[in-house]
């Protein structure tokens, strides 16, 4: 199938941002997915060149995403990627004007992050250690919940990133920003025990990635999702819980325990504290629920 002018420019843009902005592979894949969907939508309407795109085409695409029940935050992300692509086209004189300039962003609905209770977390982390996979899974969950890592940060961990002597790990977050995160005693113990049995997962030669799958390769995001889903079923814990839920729970439980919002921002690697402030809504909601439940003057 012949590559269109639009698809060539998308590939050229992706190569450019990967080099200039030092994007991670996961971020590049996310951009590629968004722009491939955009190109497909346009092609179905007979548009195969970047010069043919109009503001109305972009607005129609966003409306189409909304009809497919995409979250407003997801639609906003698509638009950001599209706007950056059109800026690139104008900057590199591929088009005479930026048709995305006046396209407005959808209103974002505030969605509170899902969390798991402390009791459910304890239940999930209280697991028998019989196989090498049990030791690996225990270490993964202790790190996700105990240090608030993103799943991509966890799967990219290498031995060079871990300093058990000083109880810290070095994390490379979004945009390759580096941060140092403390390790709790439970996580340290789980990692130490896993490292002892980790050689059983190595198939050929050596591998510097900390967490491996059954083929001796670095464990993937999908592998972690499947593992967590299976464990939740075994423990009888219901709800839409993902590895990111453990990161949200890490932040929420810290805030409930009295931690400072700035400290939590540092630990999570948020560039802007407004991103971290979402957790105050969760704790405020809990305070209100506790008041209604326990206070003698409440209306229960």
Foldseek 3Di string as FASTA:
>chain_A
DDQFQLNVLLVVVLVVCCVPLVFDPVVSVVLVVLSVLLCVQVVVVVDRHPQPDALVSLVVSLVVCVVVVDALVVSQVSLVSLQVSLVVCCVVVVYVDRRSVPPDRDDHDDDQAAADDPVVLVLLLPDDDDDLVSLLLNLLSLCCQVQLEDLVQLLQAFPVQDDLVQQWGWTQDGSRDIAITGHDPSNSVSLVVSVVVVVVQQDDDDDGGSDADNVNHRQDLVNQQVVSVVSCVVSVNDDDDGSNNSSLHNLLVCVLVPDDLVVNCRSNVPPDSVVSCSSVVVVVVVVVVCCCVDPPPHDD
